[in-house]
N, C-alpha and C. Protein backbone atom coordinates (compact mmCIF):
# COMPACT_ATOMS: atom_id res chain seq x y z
N MET A 1 -31.10 -9.93 35.33
CA MET A 1 -30.95 -7.88 34.78
C MET A 1 -30.18 -7.73 36.51
N PHE A 2 -29.06 -7.53 36.53
CA PHE A 2 -28.42 -6.70 37.33
C PHE A 2 -27.89 -5.30 36.84
N TYR A 3 -27.39 -4.99 38.66
CA TYR A 3 -26.79 -3.35 38.61
C TYR A 3 -24.77 -3.14 38.41
N LEU A 4 -24.49 -2.57 37.74
CA LEU A 4 -22.91 -2.42 38.00
C LEU A 4 -22.74 -1.17 38.24
N LYS A 5 -21.63 -1.25 39.05
CA LYS A 5 -21.23 -0.07 39.74
C LYS A 5 -21.44 1.30 38.55
N GLY A 6 -21.41 1.66 37.46
CA GLY A 6 -21.61 2.89 36.77
C GLY A 6 -22.49 3.01 36.51
N GLY A 7 -23.60 2.39 37.13
CA GLY A 7 -25.15 2.19 36.80
C GLY A 7 -25.60 1.78 35.97
N PHE A 8 -24.45 0.81 35.07
CA PHE A 8 -25.28 0.31 34.04
C PHE A 8 -26.11 -1.14 33.25
N VAL A 9 -27.13 -0.74 33.10
CA VAL A 9 -27.88 -2.37 33.37
C VAL A 9 -27.46 -3.37 32.35
N MET A 10 -26.95 -4.76 32.33
CA MET A 10 -26.72 -5.67 31.91
C MET A 10 -27.45 -7.10 32.13
N HIS A 11 -27.61 -7.32 31.12
CA HIS A 11 -28.32 -8.98 31.51
C HIS A 11 -28.02 -9.77 31.90
N LYS A 12 -28.08 -10.94 32.33
CA LYS A 12 -27.37 -12.16 33.02
C LYS A 12 -26.60 -12.80 31.29
N GLU A 13 -26.82 -12.49 30.31
CA GLU A 13 -26.21 -13.23 29.06
C GLU A 13 -25.18 -12.55 28.91
N ASP A 14 -25.19 -11.12 29.30
CA ASP A 14 -24.33 -10.20 29.09
C ASP A 14 -23.63 -10.09 29.85
N ARG A 15 -23.13 -10.93 31.02
CA ARG A 15 -21.97 -10.69 32.01
C ARG A 15 -20.75 -11.32 31.38
N ILE A 16 -19.91 -11.12 31.90
CA ILE A 16 -18.60 -11.41 31.32
C ILE A 16 -18.31 -12.09 32.59
N SER A 17 -17.85 -13.50 31.79
CA SER A 17 -16.65 -14.27 33.20
C SER A 17 -15.30 -14.28 33.26
N GLY A 18 -14.66 -14.24 34.33
CA GLY A 18 -13.45 -14.19 34.46
C GLY A 18 -12.60 -14.88 33.44
N THR A 19 -13.02 -16.12 32.65
CA THR A 19 -12.35 -16.86 31.79
C THR A 19 -12.79 -15.63 30.62
N GLU A 20 -13.94 -15.55 30.37
CA GLU A 20 -13.74 -14.33 29.19
C GLU A 20 -12.99 -13.72 29.24
N LYS A 21 -13.06 -12.44 30.22
CA LYS A 21 -12.27 -11.43 30.59
C LYS A 21 -10.46 -12.04 29.53
N LYS A 22 -10.38 -13.01 30.82
CA LYS A 22 -8.98 -13.77 30.30
C LYS A 22 -8.44 -13.45 28.63
N LEU A 23 -9.64 -14.05 27.98
CA LEU A 23 -9.29 -13.96 26.68
C LEU A 23 -9.67 -12.96 26.36
N LEU A 24 -10.00 -12.16 26.26
CA LEU A 24 -10.52 -10.30 25.22
C LEU A 24 -9.23 -10.13 26.15
N ASP A 25 -8.91 -9.82 27.05
CA ASP A 25 -7.46 -9.83 27.50
C ASP A 25 -5.98 -9.92 26.32
N ALA A 26 -6.57 -11.14 26.30
CA ALA A 26 -5.46 -11.89 25.52
C ALA A 26 -5.25 -10.74 24.51
N LEU A 27 -6.43 -11.02 23.55
CA LEU A 27 -6.94 -10.50 22.41
C LEU A 27 -6.42 -9.39 22.14
N LYS A 28 -6.22 -8.88 23.16
CA LYS A 28 -6.06 -6.62 23.12
C LYS A 28 -4.49 -7.04 23.40
N ARG A 29 -4.32 -7.72 23.85
CA ARG A 29 -2.19 -7.72 24.47
C ARG A 29 -2.05 -8.33 22.71
N ILE A 30 -2.36 -9.14 22.08
CA ILE A 30 -2.00 -9.60 20.70
C ILE A 30 -2.12 -8.66 19.84
N GLN A 31 -2.95 -7.34 19.87
CA GLN A 31 -3.79 -6.79 18.52
C GLN A 31 -2.13 -5.50 18.63
N HIS A 32 -2.12 -5.11 20.33
CA HIS A 32 -1.06 -3.65 20.71
C HIS A 32 -0.18 -4.83 20.84
N GLY A 33 0.16 -6.21 20.27
CA GLY A 33 1.84 -6.24 20.17
C GLY A 33 2.77 -6.44 21.92
N ARG A 34 1.84 -6.52 22.88
CA ARG A 34 2.53 -6.67 23.90
C ARG A 34 2.04 -8.25 24.62
N THR A 35 2.05 -9.18 24.11
CA THR A 35 1.75 -10.62 24.65
C THR A 35 2.75 -11.10 25.78
N ARG A 36 2.33 -11.70 26.65
CA ARG A 36 3.16 -12.00 27.82
C ARG A 36 3.37 -13.91 27.38
N ILE A 37 2.79 -14.23 26.27
CA ILE A 37 3.38 -15.98 26.61
C ILE A 37 3.71 -16.32 24.50
N VAL A 38 3.17 -15.61 23.85
CA VAL A 38 3.18 -15.80 22.42
C VAL A 38 4.46 -14.87 22.08
N GLU A 39 4.90 -15.41 21.40
CA GLU A 39 5.78 -13.68 20.26
C GLU A 39 5.06 -12.91 19.73
N SER A 40 5.63 -11.60 20.15
CA SER A 40 4.58 -10.55 19.55
C SER A 40 4.59 -10.78 18.48
N SER A 41 5.41 -11.25 17.42
CA SER A 41 5.19 -11.17 15.29
C SER A 41 3.98 -12.10 15.11
N ARG A 42 3.42 -13.06 16.12
CA ARG A 42 2.81 -13.74 15.74
C ARG A 42 1.13 -13.06 15.55
N LYS A 43 0.81 -14.01 14.31
CA LYS A 43 -0.53 -13.42 14.10
C LYS A 43 -1.64 -13.64 14.85
N LEU A 44 -2.93 -12.82 14.45
CA LEU A 44 -3.33 -13.08 15.53
C LEU A 44 -4.42 -14.16 15.23
N SER A 45 -4.82 -14.82 16.26
CA SER A 45 -5.64 -16.08 15.46
C SER A 45 -6.60 -16.63 16.84
N ILE A 46 -7.43 -17.38 16.64
CA ILE A 46 -7.89 -18.22 17.75
C ILE A 46 -6.72 -19.22 18.81
N ALA A 47 -6.29 -19.49 17.86
CA ALA A 47 -5.19 -20.57 18.47
C ALA A 47 -4.43 -19.77 18.89
N SER A 48 -4.00 -18.26 18.79
CA SER A 48 -2.80 -17.59 19.80
C SER A 48 -3.80 -17.09 20.92
N VAL A 49 -4.90 -16.54 20.39
CA VAL A 49 -5.44 -15.85 21.52
C VAL A 49 -5.67 -16.71 22.53
N ALA A 50 -5.79 -18.32 22.31
CA ALA A 50 -6.04 -19.05 23.39
C ALA A 50 -4.77 -19.43 24.15
N GLU A 51 -3.51 -19.60 23.19
CA GLU A 51 -2.13 -20.29 23.53
C GLU A 51 -2.33 -18.53 25.10
N GLU A 52 -2.11 -17.62 24.39
CA GLU A 52 -2.30 -16.31 24.75
C GLU A 52 -2.70 -16.37 26.63
N ALA A 53 -3.92 -16.77 26.66
CA ALA A 53 -4.77 -16.72 27.83
C ALA A 53 -3.98 -18.27 28.39
N GLY A 54 -3.60 -19.21 28.05
CA GLY A 54 -3.63 -20.50 28.91
C GLY A 54 -4.87 -20.86 28.66
N MET A 55 -5.33 -21.28 27.53
CA MET A 55 -6.53 -22.20 27.11
C MET A 55 -6.29 -23.18 25.91
N SER A 56 -7.36 -24.13 25.40
CA SER A 56 -7.34 -24.69 24.55
C SER A 56 -8.12 -23.69 23.19
N ARG A 57 -7.96 -23.91 22.30
CA ARG A 57 -9.00 -23.72 20.71
C ARG A 57 -10.13 -24.37 21.13
N ALA A 58 -10.53 -25.30 21.42
CA ALA A 58 -11.37 -25.27 21.55
C ALA A 58 -12.32 -24.90 22.74
N THR A 59 -11.86 -24.49 23.35
CA THR A 59 -12.32 -23.71 24.49
C THR A 59 -13.00 -22.93 24.51
N ILE A 60 -12.50 -21.94 23.33
CA ILE A 60 -12.39 -20.61 22.92
C ILE A 60 -14.43 -20.85 21.82
N HIS A 61 -13.66 -22.19 21.18
CA HIS A 61 -15.45 -22.56 20.33
C HIS A 61 -16.19 -22.96 20.24
N ASN A 62 -16.09 -23.81 21.72
CA ASN A 62 -17.13 -24.61 22.51
C ASN A 62 -18.24 -23.93 23.48
N ARG A 63 -16.82 -23.10 24.27
CA ARG A 63 -17.61 -22.31 25.33
C ARG A 63 -17.79 -20.60 25.62
N TYR A 64 -16.83 -20.65 24.67
CA TYR A 64 -17.18 -18.57 24.34
C TYR A 64 -17.08 -18.21 22.57
N PRO A 65 -17.88 -18.51 22.25
CA PRO A 65 -18.10 -17.61 20.49
C PRO A 65 -18.17 -16.55 20.73
N ARG A 66 -18.68 -15.52 21.57
CA ARG A 66 -18.26 -14.22 21.46
C ARG A 66 -16.62 -14.28 21.59
N VAL A 67 -16.44 -14.49 21.83
CA VAL A 67 -15.02 -14.02 21.92
C VAL A 67 -14.20 -14.88 20.62
N ALA A 68 -14.70 -15.99 19.55
CA ALA A 68 -14.36 -16.18 18.52
C ALA A 68 -14.50 -15.54 17.73
N GLU A 69 -15.80 -14.73 17.61
CA GLU A 69 -16.28 -13.87 16.95
C GLU A 69 -15.53 -12.49 16.87
N GLU A 70 -15.60 -12.09 18.20
CA GLU A 70 -14.56 -10.81 18.29
C GLU A 70 -13.13 -11.37 17.74
N ILE A 71 -12.62 -12.21 17.46
CA ILE A 71 -11.40 -12.87 16.86
C ILE A 71 -12.10 -12.04 15.55
N ARG A 72 -12.78 -12.60 14.96
CA ARG A 72 -12.68 -12.88 13.84
C ARG A 72 -13.03 -11.30 13.26
N THR A 73 -13.96 -10.83 13.31
CA THR A 73 -14.25 -9.57 13.65
C THR A 73 -12.88 -8.43 13.45
N ALA A 74 -12.21 -8.72 14.07
CA ALA A 74 -10.85 -8.19 14.17
C ALA A 74 -9.80 -8.73 13.19
N LEU A 75 -9.97 -9.70 12.38
CA LEU A 75 -9.14 -10.41 11.58
C LEU A 75 -9.56 -9.44 10.13
N GLY A 76 -10.97 -9.69 10.08
CA GLY A 76 -12.10 -8.96 8.93
C GLY A 76 -11.73 -7.43 9.32
N GLN A 77 -11.08 -7.06 10.14
CA GLN A 77 -11.19 -5.51 9.95
C GLN A 77 -9.74 -5.50 9.41
N GLY A 78 -8.58 -6.11 9.58
CA GLY A 78 -7.51 -6.32 9.17
C GLY A 78 -7.64 -6.49 7.43
N HIS A 79 -7.93 -7.26 7.03
CA HIS A 79 -8.30 -7.55 5.98
C HIS A 79 -8.65 -6.73 5.55
N ARG A 80 -9.80 -5.49 5.81
CA ARG A 80 -10.41 -4.83 5.02
C ARG A 80 -9.22 -3.51 4.96
N GLU A 81 -8.65 -3.13 5.79
CA GLU A 81 -7.65 -2.84 6.09
C GLU A 81 -7.01 -2.60 5.07
N LYS A 82 -6.25 -4.01 4.82
CA LYS A 82 -5.00 -4.20 3.47
C LYS A 82 -5.93 -3.98 2.37
N ILE A 83 -7.30 -4.06 2.14
CA ILE A 83 -7.84 -4.06 0.71
C ILE A 83 -8.01 -2.42 0.29
N VAL A 84 -8.00 -1.40 1.54
CA VAL A 84 -8.18 -0.26 1.29
C VAL A 84 -6.78 0.27 0.91
N LYS A 85 -5.86 -0.30 1.69
CA LYS A 85 -4.37 -0.07 1.40
C LYS A 85 -4.03 -0.08 0.47
N GLY A 86 -4.50 -1.36 0.07
CA GLY A 86 -4.57 -2.15 -1.41
C GLY A 86 -5.08 -1.14 -2.78
N LEU A 87 -5.99 -0.84 -2.23
CA LEU A 87 -7.01 -0.26 -3.33
C LEU A 87 -6.12 1.65 -3.42
N GLU A 88 -6.10 2.59 -2.25
CA GLU A 88 -5.18 3.67 -2.48
C GLU A 88 -3.44 3.25 -3.09
N ALA A 89 -3.52 2.13 -2.92
CA ALA A 89 -1.71 2.34 -3.48
C ALA A 89 -2.12 1.94 -5.38
N GLN A 90 -3.08 1.53 -5.58
CA GLN A 90 -3.70 1.15 -6.73
C GLN A 90 -4.04 2.54 -7.54
N ARG A 91 -4.91 3.44 -6.72
CA ARG A 91 -5.58 4.84 -7.19
C ARG A 91 -3.93 5.34 -7.20
N GLU A 92 -3.04 5.63 -6.79
CA GLU A 92 -1.77 6.45 -6.65
C GLU A 92 -1.24 5.97 -8.14
N MET A 93 -1.21 4.83 -8.32
CA MET A 93 -0.22 4.23 -9.25
C MET A 93 -1.12 4.88 -10.32
N ARG A 94 -2.33 4.86 -10.36
CA ARG A 94 -3.16 4.83 -11.35
C ARG A 94 -2.39 6.39 -11.83
N ASP A 95 -2.77 7.65 -10.94
CA ASP A 95 -2.08 8.75 -10.96
C ASP A 95 -0.60 8.83 -11.70
N ILE A 96 0.17 8.01 -10.99
CA ILE A 96 1.26 7.76 -11.68
C ILE A 96 1.99 7.99 -13.31
N ILE A 97 1.37 6.91 -13.23
CA ILE A 97 0.90 6.01 -14.72
C ILE A 97 0.24 7.01 -15.42
N LYS A 98 -1.14 7.42 -14.91
CA LYS A 98 -1.55 8.92 -16.27
C LYS A 98 -0.56 10.25 -16.21
N ALA A 99 0.10 10.74 -15.63
CA ALA A 99 1.09 11.88 -15.68
C ALA A 99 2.59 10.95 -16.50
N LEU A 100 2.67 10.12 -16.25
CA LEU A 100 4.03 9.35 -17.37
C LEU A 100 3.40 9.72 -18.59
N ARG A 101 2.51 8.66 -18.89
CA ARG A 101 1.69 8.87 -20.74
C ARG A 101 1.96 10.34 -20.82
N ILE A 102 0.88 11.24 -20.14
CA ILE A 102 1.50 12.92 -20.71
C ILE A 102 2.83 12.91 -20.85
N GLU A 103 3.29 12.28 -19.77
CA GLU A 103 5.19 12.93 -20.11
C GLU A 103 5.42 12.31 -21.29
N ILE A 104 5.26 11.18 -21.96
CA ILE A 104 5.46 10.41 -22.91
C ILE A 104 4.81 10.97 -24.07
N ASN A 105 3.80 11.33 -24.29
CA ASN A 105 3.22 11.97 -25.11
C ASN A 105 4.09 13.93 -25.09
N GLY A 106 4.42 14.24 -24.16
CA GLY A 106 4.81 15.30 -24.69
C GLY A 106 6.61 15.07 -24.83
N LEU A 107 6.84 14.15 -24.53
CA LEU A 107 8.52 13.93 -24.94
C LEU A 107 8.26 13.46 -26.90
N LYS A 108 7.50 12.37 -26.75
CA LYS A 108 7.03 12.57 -28.58
C LYS A 108 6.73 13.48 -29.45
N ALA A 109 6.05 14.46 -29.20
CA ALA A 109 6.31 15.65 -29.65
C ALA A 109 6.91 16.06 -29.78
N MET A 110 7.62 16.66 -28.76
CA MET A 110 9.33 16.41 -28.68
C MET A 110 10.08 16.09 -29.65
N LYS A 111 10.09 15.07 -29.69
CA LYS A 111 11.00 14.33 -30.53
C LYS A 111 10.72 14.46 -32.49
N VAL A 112 9.41 14.63 -32.57
CA VAL A 112 9.09 15.03 -33.82
C VAL A 112 9.37 16.50 -34.18
N LYS A 113 8.93 17.43 -33.39
CA LYS A 113 10.04 18.50 -34.27
C LYS A 113 11.17 18.53 -34.09
N LEU A 114 12.15 17.80 -32.97
CA LEU A 114 14.16 18.07 -33.05
C LEU A 114 14.23 17.42 -34.51
N VAL A 115 13.62 15.80 -34.67
CA VAL A 115 13.63 15.17 -36.34
C VAL A 115 13.21 16.10 -36.96
N SER A 116 12.46 16.47 -36.91
CA SER A 116 12.38 17.53 -38.34
C SER A 116 13.36 18.82 -38.64
N ILE A 117 13.39 19.70 -37.35
CA ILE A 117 15.28 20.47 -37.25
C ILE A 117 16.15 19.94 -37.39
N ASN A 118 16.60 18.50 -37.06
CA ASN A 118 17.50 17.77 -37.28
C ASN A 118 17.93 17.79 -39.08
N GLU A 119 16.41 17.42 -39.84
CA GLU A 119 16.44 17.05 -41.18
C GLU A 119 16.80 18.38 -41.64
N SER A 120 16.28 19.15 -41.56
CA SER A 120 16.41 20.88 -42.10
C SER A 120 18.24 21.07 -41.35
N LEU A 121 18.96 20.61 -40.72
CA LEU A 121 20.10 21.07 -40.59
C LEU A 121 21.38 20.22 -41.58
N GLU A 122 20.69 19.02 -41.55
CA GLU A 122 21.22 18.06 -42.35
C GLU A 122 20.92 18.18 -44.16
N ALA A 123 20.13 18.92 -44.28
CA ALA A 123 19.78 19.28 -45.79
C ALA A 123 21.04 21.01 -45.72
N GLU A 124 20.68 22.26 -44.51
CA GLU A 124 21.71 22.68 -45.01
C GLU A 124 22.99 22.42 -45.60
N LEU A 125 23.24 21.01 -44.27
CA LEU A 125 24.81 20.69 -44.46
C LEU A 125 25.09 20.46 -45.67
N ARG A 126 24.20 19.54 -45.95
CA ARG A 126 24.67 19.34 -47.69
C ARG A 126 25.13 20.09 -48.22
N MET A 127 24.24 21.27 -48.53
CA MET A 127 23.59 22.34 -49.37
C MET A 127 25.42 23.01 -49.24
N LEU A 128 26.12 23.55 -47.75
CA LEU A 128 27.13 23.87 -47.93
C LEU A 128 28.15 23.33 -48.12
N ARG A 129 28.36 21.90 -48.05
CA ARG A 129 29.15 20.87 -47.86
C ARG A 129 29.63 21.03 -49.35
N ALA A 130 29.03 20.71 -50.60
CA ALA A 130 28.09 21.00 -51.68
C ALA A 130 28.95 22.34 -52.79
N ILE A 131 28.87 23.12 -51.71
CA ILE A 131 29.25 24.66 -52.31
C ILE A 131 30.67 24.71 -51.83
N VAL A 132 31.31 24.16 -50.76
CA VAL A 132 32.27 23.76 -50.86
C VAL A 132 33.39 23.57 -51.04
N ASP A 133 32.88 22.03 -51.57
CA ASP A 133 33.38 21.27 -52.65
C ASP A 133 33.10 21.56 -54.28
N SER A 134 32.74 22.22 -54.28
CA SER A 134 32.56 22.86 -56.06
C SER A 134 33.87 23.41 -56.37
N LYS A 135 34.20 23.70 -57.35
CA LYS A 135 34.98 24.55 -58.00
C LYS A 135 34.95 25.60 -58.16
N ASN A 136 33.86 26.61 -58.14
CA ASN A 136 33.48 27.73 -58.45
C ASN A 136 33.96 28.81 -57.07
N VAL A 137 33.98 27.34 -55.92
CA VAL A 137 34.75 28.30 -54.81
C VAL A 137 35.55 28.92 -54.28
N LYS A 138 36.17 29.96 -53.85
CA LYS A 138 37.95 29.75 -53.36
C LYS A 138 37.84 30.17 -51.61
N ALA A 139 38.76 29.21 -51.55
CA ALA A 139 38.43 29.64 -49.61
C ALA A 139 39.32 31.06 -49.46
N LEU A 140 38.70 31.66 -48.31
CA LEU A 140 39.25 33.33 -48.21
C LEU A 140 40.19 32.53 -46.73
N LYS A 141 41.20 34.06 -46.85
CA LYS A 141 41.71 33.82 -45.91
C LYS A 141 41.63 34.59 -44.60
N SER A 142 41.80 33.90 -43.18
CA SER A 142 41.00 34.57 -42.17
C SER A 142 41.95 35.74 -41.89
N ARG A 143 41.98 36.90 -41.37
CA ARG A 143 42.22 38.32 -40.82
C ARG A 143 42.73 37.48 -39.35
N GLY A 144 43.83 37.82 -39.08
CA GLY A 144 44.01 37.75 -38.02
C GLY A 144 45.27 37.55 -37.48
């Protein structure tokens, strides 16, 4: 056990070596898109962290399993965020579909009313045409 400047107590196995710090710094740079070596558009992976820190993937896997676990955790969080966003989008789509179904049902009811009105008007038109076409009706002269 040893003490740090801030008064925190750390066990020997909890100390961070200079190499481990370089790896963790590389991880943070990649997460924030501020890389120095790898392209900033490159996805987070053990390989990208190793390359950014100037080391091999084997070094991370064999000597720094905590860093490998940090990377896996960061990757898992990204995956969870995608799932949450997907679920939110799915909920929004369900709400939109529900609103559209309600609108469709309203339009169907309106169509039924309009078909009924149209049939009534067509019947009235047929009746008026029959009256006009009959021989008992004379056309009136318009005043004007």
